[in-house]
Amino acid sequence: MYFKTRILAIIILLSHIVYAQNETDGIIKNGLIFSEVCLNNVAPNTNWLEVFNPTDKALTLARFRLSHVKTINMLPDSIQKKGGIVIKPGDYLLIAATKNINELFGKKLIVLSGLANLLKGGFFALSTQNLSEADIDILRYGNPSKSEKVLSFAGKSVVGYSKDGYSISRYFEKYGSGVKIFGLFESIQTPGSTNKKKP
Protein backbone atom coordinates (compact mmCIF):
# COMPACT_ATOMS: atom_id res chain seq x y z
CA MET A 1 0.00 0.00 0.00
CA TYR A 2 2.84 2.41 0.86
CA PHE A 3 4.47 1.78 -2.52
CA LYS A 4 1.27 2.58 -4.44
CA THR A 5 0.69 5.69 -2.32
CA ARG A 6 4.26 6.90 -2.92
CA ILE A 7 3.99 6.40 -6.70
CA LEU A 8 0.64 8.22 -6.76
CA ALA A 9 2.26 11.12 -4.91
CA ILE A 10 5.03 11.28 -7.51
CA ILE A 11 2.52 11.28 -10.37
CA ILE A 12 0.58 14.11 -8.72
CA LEU A 13 3.82 16.02 -8.20
CA LEU A 14 4.75 15.65 -11.85
CA SER A 15 1.33 16.87 -12.91
CA HIS A 16 1.48 20.06 -10.79
CA ILE A 17 4.51 21.13 -10.79
CA VAL A 18 20.46 31.16 -15.93
CA TYR A 19 21.79 29.14 -13.32
CA ALA A 20 24.00 26.06 -13.07
CA GLN A 21 24.22 24.23 -9.75
CA ASN A 22 25.78 20.85 -9.11
CA GLU A 23 24.18 18.08 -7.14
CA THR A 24 26.48 16.33 -4.69
CA ASP A 25 24.06 13.81 -3.23
CA GLY A 26 24.63 10.99 -5.74
CA ILE A 27 21.12 10.26 -6.99
CA ILE A 28 20.62 6.61 -7.96
CA LYS A 29 18.62 5.70 -11.07
CA ASN A 30 17.77 2.28 -12.50
CA GLY A 31 16.07 3.50 -15.65
CA LEU A 32 16.41 6.04 -18.43
CA ILE A 33 18.11 9.33 -17.61
CA PHE A 34 18.59 12.77 -19.11
CA SER A 35 22.30 12.69 -19.96
CA GLU A 36 22.89 15.87 -21.95
CA VAL A 37 20.95 19.10 -22.45
CA CYS A 38 21.28 22.09 -24.74
CA LEU A 39 19.11 25.11 -23.90
CA ASN A 40 19.60 28.26 -25.96
CA ASN A 41 17.85 31.41 -24.74
CA VAL A 42 18.72 33.25 -27.99
CA ALA A 43 17.54 30.52 -30.36
CA PRO A 44 15.14 28.32 -28.33
CA ASN A 45 14.13 26.38 -31.44
CA THR A 46 17.54 24.70 -31.16
CA ASN A 47 16.82 23.30 -27.67
CA TRP A 48 17.30 19.56 -27.24
CA LEU A 49 17.52 16.86 -24.56
CA GLU A 50 19.40 13.59 -24.73
CA VAL A 51 17.86 10.52 -23.10
CA PHE A 52 20.25 7.65 -22.35
CA ASN A 53 19.73 4.03 -21.33
CA PRO A 54 22.61 3.21 -18.95
CA THR A 55 21.31 -0.24 -18.02
CA ASP A 56 21.96 -3.66 -19.55
CA LYS A 57 18.36 -4.17 -20.72
CA ALA A 58 16.07 -2.48 -23.22
CA LEU A 59 13.82 0.13 -21.63
CA THR A 60 10.71 1.87 -22.90
CA LEU A 61 10.36 5.63 -22.63
CA ALA A 62 6.66 5.77 -21.77
CA ARG A 63 6.19 9.33 -20.50
CA PHE A 64 7.75 12.75 -20.92
CA ARG A 65 6.60 16.12 -19.67
CA LEU A 66 7.53 19.73 -19.06
CA SER A 67 6.63 21.21 -15.69
CA HIS A 68 4.71 24.19 -17.11
CA VAL A 69 2.53 22.10 -19.43
CA LYS A 70 -0.56 20.52 -17.89
CA THR A 71 -0.41 17.49 -20.18
CA ILE A 72 1.12 14.69 -18.10
CA ASN A 73 2.53 12.89 -21.14
CA MET A 74 3.79 15.00 -24.06
CA LEU A 75 5.03 12.14 -26.23
CA PRO A 76 3.33 12.07 -29.65
CA ASP A 77 0.08 10.08 -29.83
CA SER A 78 1.64 7.64 -32.28
CA ILE A 79 4.25 6.72 -29.67
CA GLN A 80 1.79 6.64 -26.76
CA LYS A 81 -0.46 4.21 -28.64
CA LYS A 82 2.48 1.79 -28.84
CA GLY A 83 3.12 2.13 -25.10
CA GLY A 84 6.24 4.23 -25.64
CA ILE A 85 9.49 3.97 -27.56
CA VAL A 86 12.15 1.34 -26.84
CA ILE A 87 15.72 2.44 -26.17
CA LYS A 88 18.30 -0.34 -26.30
CA PRO A 89 21.04 -0.73 -23.66
CA GLY A 90 23.69 1.94 -24.12
CA ASP A 91 21.61 3.73 -26.74
CA TYR A 92 20.27 7.28 -26.94
CA LEU A 93 17.18 9.18 -27.99
CA LEU A 94 16.98 12.92 -28.67
CA ILE A 95 13.99 15.09 -27.80
CA ALA A 96 14.26 18.36 -29.69
CA ALA A 97 12.28 21.50 -30.47
CA THR A 98 12.78 20.98 -34.21
CA LYS A 99 14.17 18.29 -36.50
CA ASN A 100 17.29 20.36 -37.23
CA ILE A 101 19.28 18.52 -34.57
CA ASN A 102 18.57 15.23 -36.33
CA GLU A 103 19.82 16.64 -39.63
CA LEU A 104 23.04 17.65 -37.89
CA PHE A 105 23.70 14.50 -35.90
CA GLY A 106 21.52 11.83 -37.51
CA LYS A 107 20.25 10.27 -34.28
CA LYS A 108 16.87 8.85 -33.25
CA LEU A 109 14.64 11.86 -32.61
CA ILE A 110 11.30 12.96 -31.18
CA VAL A 111 10.27 16.51 -32.09
CA LEU A 112 8.30 18.42 -29.43
CA SER A 113 7.79 22.06 -30.33
CA GLY A 114 6.92 22.87 -26.71
CA LEU A 115 10.61 22.55 -25.90
CA ALA A 116 11.12 25.92 -27.59
CA ASN A 117 8.71 27.62 -25.18
CA LEU A 118 10.35 27.15 -21.79
CA LEU A 119 9.74 29.42 -18.83
CA LYS A 120 12.40 31.06 -16.65
CA GLY A 121 12.70 27.84 -14.71
CA GLY A 122 11.09 24.46 -14.18
CA PHE A 123 11.87 20.82 -14.82
CA PHE A 124 11.80 18.04 -17.40
CA ALA A 125 10.53 14.60 -16.37
CA LEU A 126 10.55 11.14 -17.93
CA SER A 127 9.67 7.64 -16.87
CA THR A 128 9.65 4.08 -18.12
CA GLN A 129 6.53 1.94 -17.92
CA ASN A 130 7.42 0.82 -14.38
CA LEU A 131 6.89 4.17 -12.61
CA SER A 132 9.00 3.25 -9.59
CA GLU A 133 11.03 6.10 -8.08
CA ALA A 134 14.28 4.80 -9.57
CA ASP A 135 12.64 4.64 -13.02
CA ILE A 136 11.62 8.31 -13.03
CA ASP A 137 14.18 10.99 -13.84
CA ILE A 138 13.65 14.70 -13.26
CA LEU A 139 16.07 17.40 -14.38
CA ARG A 140 15.68 20.99 -13.19
CA TYR A 141 16.49 24.00 -15.37
CA GLY A 142 16.69 27.80 -15.14
CA ASN A 143 15.89 29.69 -11.95
CA PRO A 144 16.23 27.16 -9.07
CA SER A 145 13.35 28.72 -7.12
CA LYS A 146 10.98 27.66 -9.92
CA SER A 147 11.62 23.96 -9.31
CA GLU A 148 12.02 23.78 -5.53
CA LYS A 149 9.02 21.45 -5.29
CA VAL A 150 11.07 18.63 -6.83
CA LEU A 151 14.33 19.37 -5.01
CA SER A 152 14.16 16.34 -2.71
CA PHE A 153 13.49 14.01 -5.63
CA ALA A 154 15.53 15.60 -8.44
CA GLY A 155 18.57 16.79 -6.48
CA LYS A 156 20.37 20.12 -6.37
CA SER A 157 21.60 20.28 -9.96
CA VAL A 158 20.00 22.95 -12.14
CA VAL A 159 20.78 23.21 -15.85
CA GLY A 160 21.53 26.68 -17.19
CA TYR A 161 21.66 28.06 -20.72
CA SER A 162 24.36 26.72 -23.01
CA LYS A 163 26.98 28.74 -24.83
CA ASP A 164 27.10 28.44 -28.62
CA GLY A 165 28.35 25.00 -29.57
CA TYR A 166 28.28 23.78 -25.97
CA SER A 167 25.89 21.77 -23.85
CA ILE A 168 25.43 20.69 -20.25
CA SER A 169 26.06 17.02 -19.45
CA ARG A 170 25.48 14.99 -16.32
CA TYR A 171 28.34 13.06 -14.79
CA PHE A 172 27.32 9.55 -13.72
CA GLU A 173 28.93 6.23 -12.90
CA LYS A 174 27.67 2.66 -13.06
CA TYR A 175 26.00 1.64 -9.81
CA GLY A 176 24.46 -1.82 -9.49
CA SER A 177 21.93 -2.28 -12.29
CA GLY A 178 21.72 1.48 -12.86
CA VAL A 179 23.80 4.61 -12.30
CA LYS A 180 24.62 7.13 -9.62
CA ILE A 181 24.43 10.74 -10.86
CA PHE A 182 26.86 13.21 -9.32
CA GLY A 183 26.69 16.54 -11.12
CA LEU A 184 26.82 18.71 -14.22
CA PHE A 185 29.63 19.86 -16.49
CA GLU A 186 29.89 21.95 -19.64
CA SER A 187 31.30 20.44 -22.82
CA ILE A 188 31.05 20.61 -26.59
CA GLN A 189 27.79 19.19 -27.91
CA THR A 190 27.85 15.41 -28.32
CA PRO A 191 24.24 14.25 -28.72
CA GLY A 192 24.15 10.50 -29.10
CA SER A 193 27.42 9.79 -27.28
CA THR A 194 28.67 9.98 -23.71
CA ASN A 195 30.87 12.74 -22.36
CA LYS A 196 33.50 11.14 -20.12
CA LYS A 197 34.80 14.28 -18.41
CA LYS A 198 34.18 14.59 -14.68
CA PRO A 199 32.56 17.75 -13.27
C-alpha atoms as a PDB file:
ATOM      1  CA  MET A   1       0.000   0.000   0.000  1.00  0.00           C
ATOM      2  CA  TYR A   2       2.840   2.406   0.860  1.00  0.00           C
ATOM      3  CA  PHE A   3       4.472   1.779  -2.520  1.00  0.00           C
ATOM      4  CA  LYS A   4       1.274   2.583  -4.442  1.00  0.00           C
ATOM      5  CA  THR A   5       0.686   5.689  -2.316  1.00  0.00           C
ATOM      6  CA  ARG A   6       4.257   6.895  -2.923  1.00  0.00           C
ATOM      7  CA  ILE A   7       3.992   6.397  -6.696  1.00  0.00           C
ATOM      8  CA  LEU A   8       0.643   8.216  -6.758  1.00  0.00           C
ATOM      9  CA  ALA A   9       2.262  11.121  -4.909  1.00  0.00           C
ATOM     10  CA  ILE A  10       5.034  11.276  -7.510  1.00  0.00           C
ATOM     11  CA  ILE A  11       2.517  11.280 -10.374  1.00  0.00           C
ATOM     12  CA  ILE A  12       0.585  14.105  -8.724  1.00  0.00           C
ATOM     13  CA  LEU A  13       3.815  16.018  -8.195  1.00  0.00           C
ATOM     14  CA  LEU A  14       4.748  15.646 -11.850  1.00  0.00           C
ATOM     15  CA  SER A  15       1.326  16.873 -12.906  1.00  0.00           C
ATOM     16  CA  HIS A  16       1.480  20.059 -10.792  1.00  0.00           C
ATOM     17  CA  ILE A  17       4.514  21.132 -10.786  1.00  0.00           C
ATOM     18  CA  VAL A  18      20.464  31.158 -15.929  1.00  0.00           C
ATOM     19  CA  TYR A  19      21.792  29.138 -13.322  1.00  0.00           C
ATOM     20  CA  ALA A  20      24.005  26.060 -13.066  1.00  0.00           C
ATOM     21  CA  GLN A  21      24.221  24.231  -9.752  1.00  0.00           C
ATOM     22  CA  ASN A  22      25.780  20.853  -9.106  1.00  0.00           C
ATOM     23  CA  GLU A  23      24.184  18.076  -7.145  1.00  0.00           C
ATOM     24  CA  THR A  24      26.478  16.332  -4.692  1.00  0.00           C
ATOM     25  CA  ASP A  25      24.056  13.812  -3.226  1.00  0.00           C
ATOM     26  CA  GLY A  26      24.628  10.990  -5.737  1.00  0.00           C
ATOM     27  CA  ILE A  27      21.118  10.260  -6.995  1.00  0.00           C
ATOM     28  CA  ILE A  28      20.622   6.606  -7.963  1.00  0.00           C
ATOM     29  CA  LYS A  29      18.624   5.699 -11.067  1.00  0.00           C
ATOM     30  CA  ASN A  30      17.768   2.284 -12.501  1.00  0.00           C
ATOM     31  CA  GLY A  31      16.070   3.501 -15.649  1.00  0.00           C
ATOM     32  CA  LEU A  32      16.408   6.043 -18.431  1.00  0.00           C
ATOM     33  CA  ILE A  33      18.112   9.334 -17.612  1.00  0.00           C
ATOM     34  CA  PHE A  34      18.586  12.767 -19.109  1.00  0.00           C
ATOM     35  CA  SER A  35      22.295  12.692 -19.957  1.00  0.00           C
ATOM     36  CA  GLU A  36      22.895  15.874 -21.952  1.00  0.00           C
ATOM     37  CA  VAL A  37      20.950  19.104 -22.447  1.00  0.00           C
ATOM     38  CA  CYS A  38      21.284  22.095 -24.736  1.00  0.00           C
ATOM     39  CA  LEU A  39      19.110  25.110 -23.898  1.00  0.00           C
ATOM     40  CA  ASN A  40      19.596  28.261 -25.955  1.00  0.00           C
ATOM     41  CA  ASN A  41      17.854  31.411 -24.740  1.00  0.00           C
ATOM     42  CA  VAL A  42      18.723  33.253 -27.985  1.00  0.00           C
ATOM     43  CA  ALA A  43      17.539  30.522 -30.359  1.00  0.00           C
ATOM     44  CA  PRO A  44      15.143  28.323 -28.330  1.00  0.00           C
ATOM     45  CA  ASN A  45      14.129  26.377 -31.442  1.00  0.00           C
ATOM     46  CA  THR A  46      17.539  24.697 -31.160  1.00  0.00           C
ATOM     47  CA  ASN A  47      16.824  23.300 -27.675  1.00  0.00           C
ATOM     48  CA  TRP A  48      17.304  19.558 -27.237  1.00  0.00           C
ATOM     49  CA  LEU A  49      17.523  16.861 -24.559  1.00  0.00           C
ATOM     50  CA  GLU A  50      19.398  13.590 -24.735  1.00  0.00           C
ATOM     51  CA  VAL A  51      17.858  10.516 -23.100  1.00  0.00           C
ATOM     52  CA  PHE A  52      20.245   7.646 -22.348  1.00  0.00           C
ATOM     53  CA  ASN A  53      19.727   4.030 -21.326  1.00  0.00           C
ATOM     54  CA  PRO A  54      22.611   3.215 -18.946  1.00  0.00           C
ATOM     55  CA  THR A  55      21.308  -0.243 -18.024  1.00  0.00           C
ATOM     56  CA  ASP A  56      21.961  -3.663 -19.551  1.00  0.00           C
ATOM     57  CA  LYS A  57      18.360  -4.169 -20.720  1.00  0.00           C
ATOM     58  CA  ALA A  58      16.073  -2.482 -23.224  1.00  0.00           C
ATOM     59  CA  LEU A  59      13.821   0.128 -21.629  1.00  0.00           C
ATOM     60  CA  THR A  60      10.712   1.871 -22.905  1.00  0.00           C
ATOM     61  CA  LEU A  61      10.359   5.631 -22.626  1.00  0.00           C
ATOM     62  CA  ALA A  62       6.665   5.771 -21.766  1.00  0.00           C
ATOM     63  CA  ARG A  63       6.186   9.326 -20.497  1.00  0.00           C
ATOM     64  CA  PHE A  64       7.749  12.754 -20.919  1.00  0.00           C
ATOM     65  CA  ARG A  65       6.597  16.119 -19.667  1.00  0.00           C
ATOM     66  CA  LEU A  66       7.529  19.733 -19.056  1.00  0.00           C
ATOM     67  CA  SER A  67       6.628  21.209 -15.689  1.00  0.00           C
ATOM     68  CA  HIS A  68       4.715  24.190 -17.109  1.00  0.00           C
ATOM     69  CA  VAL A  69       2.531  22.098 -19.435  1.00  0.00           C
ATOM     70  CA  LYS A  70      -0.563  20.524 -17.890  1.00  0.00           C
ATOM     71  CA  THR A  71      -0.415  17.490 -20.181  1.00  0.00           C
ATOM     72  CA  ILE A  72       1.123  14.686 -18.100  1.00  0.00           C
ATOM     73  CA  ASN A  73       2.532  12.889 -21.141  1.00  0.00           C
ATOM     74  CA  MET A  74       3.787  14.998 -24.056  1.00  0.00           C
ATOM     75  CA  LEU A  75       5.028  12.140 -26.229  1.00  0.00           C
ATOM     76  CA  PRO A  76       3.330  12.074 -29.653  1.00  0.00           C
ATOM     77  CA  ASP A  77       0.083  10.080 -29.830  1.00  0.00           C
ATOM     78  CA  SER A  78       1.642   7.642 -32.284  1.00  0.00           C
ATOM     79  CA  ILE A  79       4.246   6.719 -29.670  1.00  0.00           C
ATOM     80  CA  GLN A  80       1.792   6.639 -26.763  1.00  0.00           C
ATOM     81  CA  LYS A  81      -0.464   4.207 -28.638  1.00  0.00           C
ATOM     82  CA  LYS A  82       2.483   1.792 -28.838  1.00  0.00           C
ATOM     83  CA  GLY A  83       3.119   2.127 -25.101  1.00  0.00           C
ATOM     84  CA  GLY A  84       6.238   4.232 -25.641  1.00  0.00           C
ATOM     85  CA  ILE A  85       9.485   3.970 -27.561  1.00  0.00           C
ATOM     86  CA  VAL A  86      12.146   1.343 -26.844  1.00  0.00           C
ATOM     87  CA  ILE A  87      15.720   2.439 -26.172  1.00  0.00           C
ATOM     88  CA  LYS A  88      18.299  -0.337 -26.302  1.00  0.00           C
ATOM     89  CA  PRO A  89      21.038  -0.733 -23.661  1.00  0.00           C
ATOM     90  CA  GLY A  90      23.693   1.943 -24.116  1.00  0.00           C
ATOM     91  CA  ASP A  91      21.608   3.729 -26.736  1.00  0.00           C
ATOM     92  CA  TYR A  92      20.273   7.283 -26.935  1.00  0.00           C
ATOM     93  CA  LEU A  93      17.185   9.184 -27.991  1.00  0.00           C
ATOM     94  CA  LEU A  94      16.979  12.920 -28.666  1.00  0.00           C
ATOM     95  CA  ILE A  95      13.990  15.095 -27.799  1.00  0.00           C
ATOM     96  CA  ALA A  96      14.264  18.363 -29.690  1.00  0.00           C
ATOM     97  CA  ALA A  97      12.282  21.500 -30.466  1.00  0.00           C
ATOM     98  CA  THR A  98      12.785  20.982 -34.213  1.00  0.00           C
ATOM     99  CA  LYS A  99      14.170  18.291 -36.504  1.00  0.00           C
ATOM    100  CA  ASN A 100      17.288  20.363 -37.226  1.00  0.00           C
ATOM    101  CA  ILE A 101      19.277  18.519 -34.573  1.00  0.00           C
ATOM    102  CA  ASN A 102      18.566  15.225 -36.334  1.00  0.00           C
ATOM    103  CA  GLU A 103      19.821  16.638 -39.625  1.00  0.00           C
ATOM    104  CA  LEU A 104      23.036  17.650 -37.891  1.00  0.00           C
ATOM    105  CA  PHE A 105      23.704  14.500 -35.897  1.00  0.00           C
ATOM    106  CA  GLY A 106      21.517  11.830 -37.507  1.00  0.00           C
ATOM    107  CA  LYS A 107      20.246  10.266 -34.283  1.00  0.00           C
ATOM    108  CA  LYS A 108      16.871   8.850 -33.252  1.00  0.00           C
ATOM    109  CA  LEU A 109      14.643  11.856 -32.614  1.00  0.00           C
ATOM    110  CA  ILE A 110      11.303  12.961 -31.178  1.00  0.00           C
ATOM    111  CA  VAL A 111      10.270  16.509 -32.086  1.00  0.00           C
ATOM    112  CA  LEU A 112       8.302  18.417 -29.429  1.00  0.00           C
ATOM    113  CA  SER A 113       7.792  22.062 -30.333  1.00  0.00           C
ATOM    114  CA  GLY A 114       6.921  22.870 -26.706  1.00  0.00           C
ATOM    115  CA  LEU A 115      10.607  22.548 -25.902  1.00  0.00           C
ATOM    116  CA  ALA A 116      11.124  25.916 -27.595  1.00  0.00           C
ATOM    117  CA  ASN A 117       8.713  27.624 -25.179  1.00  0.00           C
ATOM    118  CA  LEU A 118      10.347  27.147 -21.790  1.00  0.00           C
ATOM    119  CA  LEU A 119       9.739  29.419 -18.830  1.00  0.00           C
ATOM    120  CA  LYS A 120      12.400  31.062 -16.647  1.00  0.00           C
ATOM    121  CA  GLY A 121      12.696  27.843 -14.709  1.00  0.00           C
ATOM    122  CA  GLY A 122      11.089  24.458 -14.177  1.00  0.00           C
ATOM    123  CA  PHE A 123      11.866  20.819 -14.824  1.00  0.00           C
ATOM    124  CA  PHE A 124      11.796  18.037 -17.399  1.00  0.00           C
ATOM    125  CA  ALA A 125      10.531  14.601 -16.366  1.00  0.00           C
ATOM    126  CA  LEU A 126      10.552  11.138 -17.931  1.00  0.00           C
ATOM    127  CA  SER A 127       9.666   7.643 -16.875  1.00  0.00           C
ATOM    128  CA  THR A 128       9.647   4.083 -18.125  1.00  0.00           C
ATOM    129  CA  GLN A 129       6.532   1.938 -17.915  1.00  0.00           C
ATOM    130  CA  ASN A 130       7.422   0.822 -14.380  1.00  0.00           C
ATOM    131  CA  LEU A 131       6.892   4.170 -12.614  1.00  0.00           C
ATOM    132  CA  SER A 132       9.002   3.248  -9.591  1.00  0.00           C
ATOM    133  CA  GLU A 133      11.035   6.103  -8.075  1.00  0.00           C
ATOM    134  CA  ALA A 134      14.283   4.802  -9.572  1.00  0.00           C
ATOM    135  CA  ASP A 135      12.643   4.641 -13.023  1.00  0.00           C
ATOM    136  CA  ILE A 136      11.621   8.312 -13.029  1.00  0.00           C
ATOM    137  CA  ASP A 137      14.180  10.988 -13.845  1.00  0.00           C
ATOM    138  CA  ILE A 138      13.652  14.703 -13.265  1.00  0.00           C
ATOM    139  CA  LEU A 139      16.075  17.404 -14.378  1.00  0.00           C
ATOM    140  CA  ARG A 140      15.680  20.993 -13.195  1.00  0.00           C
ATOM    141  CA  TYR A 141      16.488  24.004 -15.374  1.00  0.00           C
ATOM    142  CA  GLY A 142      16.691  27.797 -15.138  1.00  0.00           C
ATOM    143  CA  ASN A 143      15.887  29.691 -11.945  1.00  0.00           C
ATOM    144  CA  PRO A 144      16.232  27.163  -9.069  1.00  0.00           C
ATOM    145  CA  SER A 145      13.348  28.721  -7.124  1.00  0.00           C
ATOM    146  CA  LYS A 146      10.979  27.662  -9.922  1.00  0.00           C
ATOM    147  CA  SER A 147      11.616  23.964  -9.306  1.00  0.00           C
ATOM    148  CA  GLU A 148      12.023  23.777  -5.527  1.00  0.00           C
ATOM    149  CA  LYS A 149       9.019  21.447  -5.292  1.00  0.00           C
ATOM    150  CA  VAL A 150      11.069  18.635  -6.831  1.00  0.00           C
ATOM    151  CA  LEU A 151      14.332  19.369  -5.007  1.00  0.00           C
ATOM    152  CA  SER A 152      14.162  16.339  -2.707  1.00  0.00           C
ATOM    153  CA  PHE A 153      13.490  14.010  -5.632  1.00  0.00           C
ATOM    154  CA  ALA A 154      15.527  15.598  -8.436  1.00  0.00           C
ATOM    155  CA  GLY A 155      18.566  16.789  -6.478  1.00  0.00           C
ATOM    156  CA  LYS A 156      20.365  20.115  -6.367  1.00  0.00           C
ATOM    157  CA  SER A 157      21.605  20.277  -9.959  1.00  0.00           C
ATOM    158  CA  VAL A 158      20.001  22.949 -12.135  1.00  0.00           C
ATOM    159  CA  VAL A 159      20.782  23.211 -15.846  1.00  0.00           C
ATOM    160  CA  GLY A 160      21.529  26.677 -17.191  1.00  0.00           C
ATOM    161  CA  TYR A 161      21.661  28.056 -20.722  1.00  0.00           C
ATOM    162  CA  SER A 162      24.364  26.720 -23.011  1.00  0.00           C
ATOM    163  CA  LYS A 163      26.985  28.739 -24.828  1.00  0.00           C
ATOM    164  CA  ASP A 164      27.095  28.442 -28.621  1.00  0.00           C
ATOM    165  CA  GLY A 165      28.349  24.998 -29.572  1.00  0.00           C
ATOM    166  CA  TYR A 166      28.283  23.781 -25.965  1.00  0.00           C
ATOM    167  CA  SER A 167      25.886  21.767 -23.851  1.00  0.00           C
ATOM    168  CA  ILE A 168      25.431  20.686 -20.245  1.00  0.00           C
ATOM    169  CA  SER A 169      26.060  17.024 -19.448  1.00  0.00           C
ATOM    170  CA  ARG A 170      25.477  14.990 -16.317  1.00  0.00           C
ATOM    171  CA  TYR A 171      28.343  13.060 -14.786  1.00  0.00           C
ATOM    172  CA  PHE A 172      27.317   9.552 -13.723  1.00  0.00           C
ATOM    173  CA  GLU A 173      28.926   6.226 -12.903  1.00  0.00           C
ATOM    174  CA  LYS A 174      27.674   2.658 -13.060  1.00  0.00           C
ATOM    175  CA  TYR A 175      26.000   1.643  -9.807  1.00  0.00           C
ATOM    176  CA  GLY A 176      24.456  -1.820  -9.486  1.00  0.00           C
ATOM    177  CA  SER A 177      21.933  -2.280 -12.288  1.00  0.00           C
ATOM    178  CA  GLY A 178      21.719   1.483 -12.859  1.00  0.00           C
ATOM    179  CA  VAL A 179      23.795   4.608 -12.302  1.00  0.00           C
ATOM    180  CA  LYS A 180      24.625   7.131  -9.622  1.00  0.00           C
ATOM    181  CA  ILE A 181      24.428  10.741 -10.861  1.00  0.00           C
ATOM    182  CA  PHE A 182      26.864  13.214  -9.316  1.00  0.00           C
ATOM    183  CA  GLY A 183      26.687  16.538 -11.121  1.00  0.00           C
ATOM    184  CA  LEU A 184      26.822  18.707 -14.219  1.00  0.00           C
ATOM    185  CA  PHE A 185      29.628  19.858 -16.494  1.00  0.00           C
ATOM    186  CA  GLU A 186      29.888  21.949 -19.645  1.00  0.00           C
ATOM    187  CA  SER A 187      31.301  20.438 -22.823  1.00  0.00           C
ATOM    188  CA  ILE A 188      31.048  20.607 -26.590  1.00  0.00           C
ATOM    189  CA  GLN A 189      27.788  19.188 -27.914  1.00  0.00           C
ATOM    190  CA  THR A 190      27.852  15.408 -28.317  1.00  0.00           C
ATOM    191  CA  PRO A 191      24.245  14.253 -28.724  1.00  0.00           C
ATOM    192  CA  GLY A 192      24.145  10.496 -29.100  1.00  0.00           C
ATOM    193  CA  SER A 193      27.417   9.792 -27.275  1.00  0.00           C
ATOM    194  CA  THR A 194      28.674   9.977 -23.713  1.00  0.00           C
ATOM    195  CA  ASN A 195      30.869  12.745 -22.359  1.00  0.00           C
ATOM    196  CA  LYS A 196      33.497  11.142 -20.124  1.00  0.00           C
ATOM    197  CA  LYS A 197      34.798  14.277 -18.412  1.00  0.00           C
ATOM    198  CA  LYS A 198      34.184  14.589 -14.680  1.00  0.00           C
ATOM    199  CA  PRO A 199      32.559  17.751 -13.274  1.00  0.00           C
END
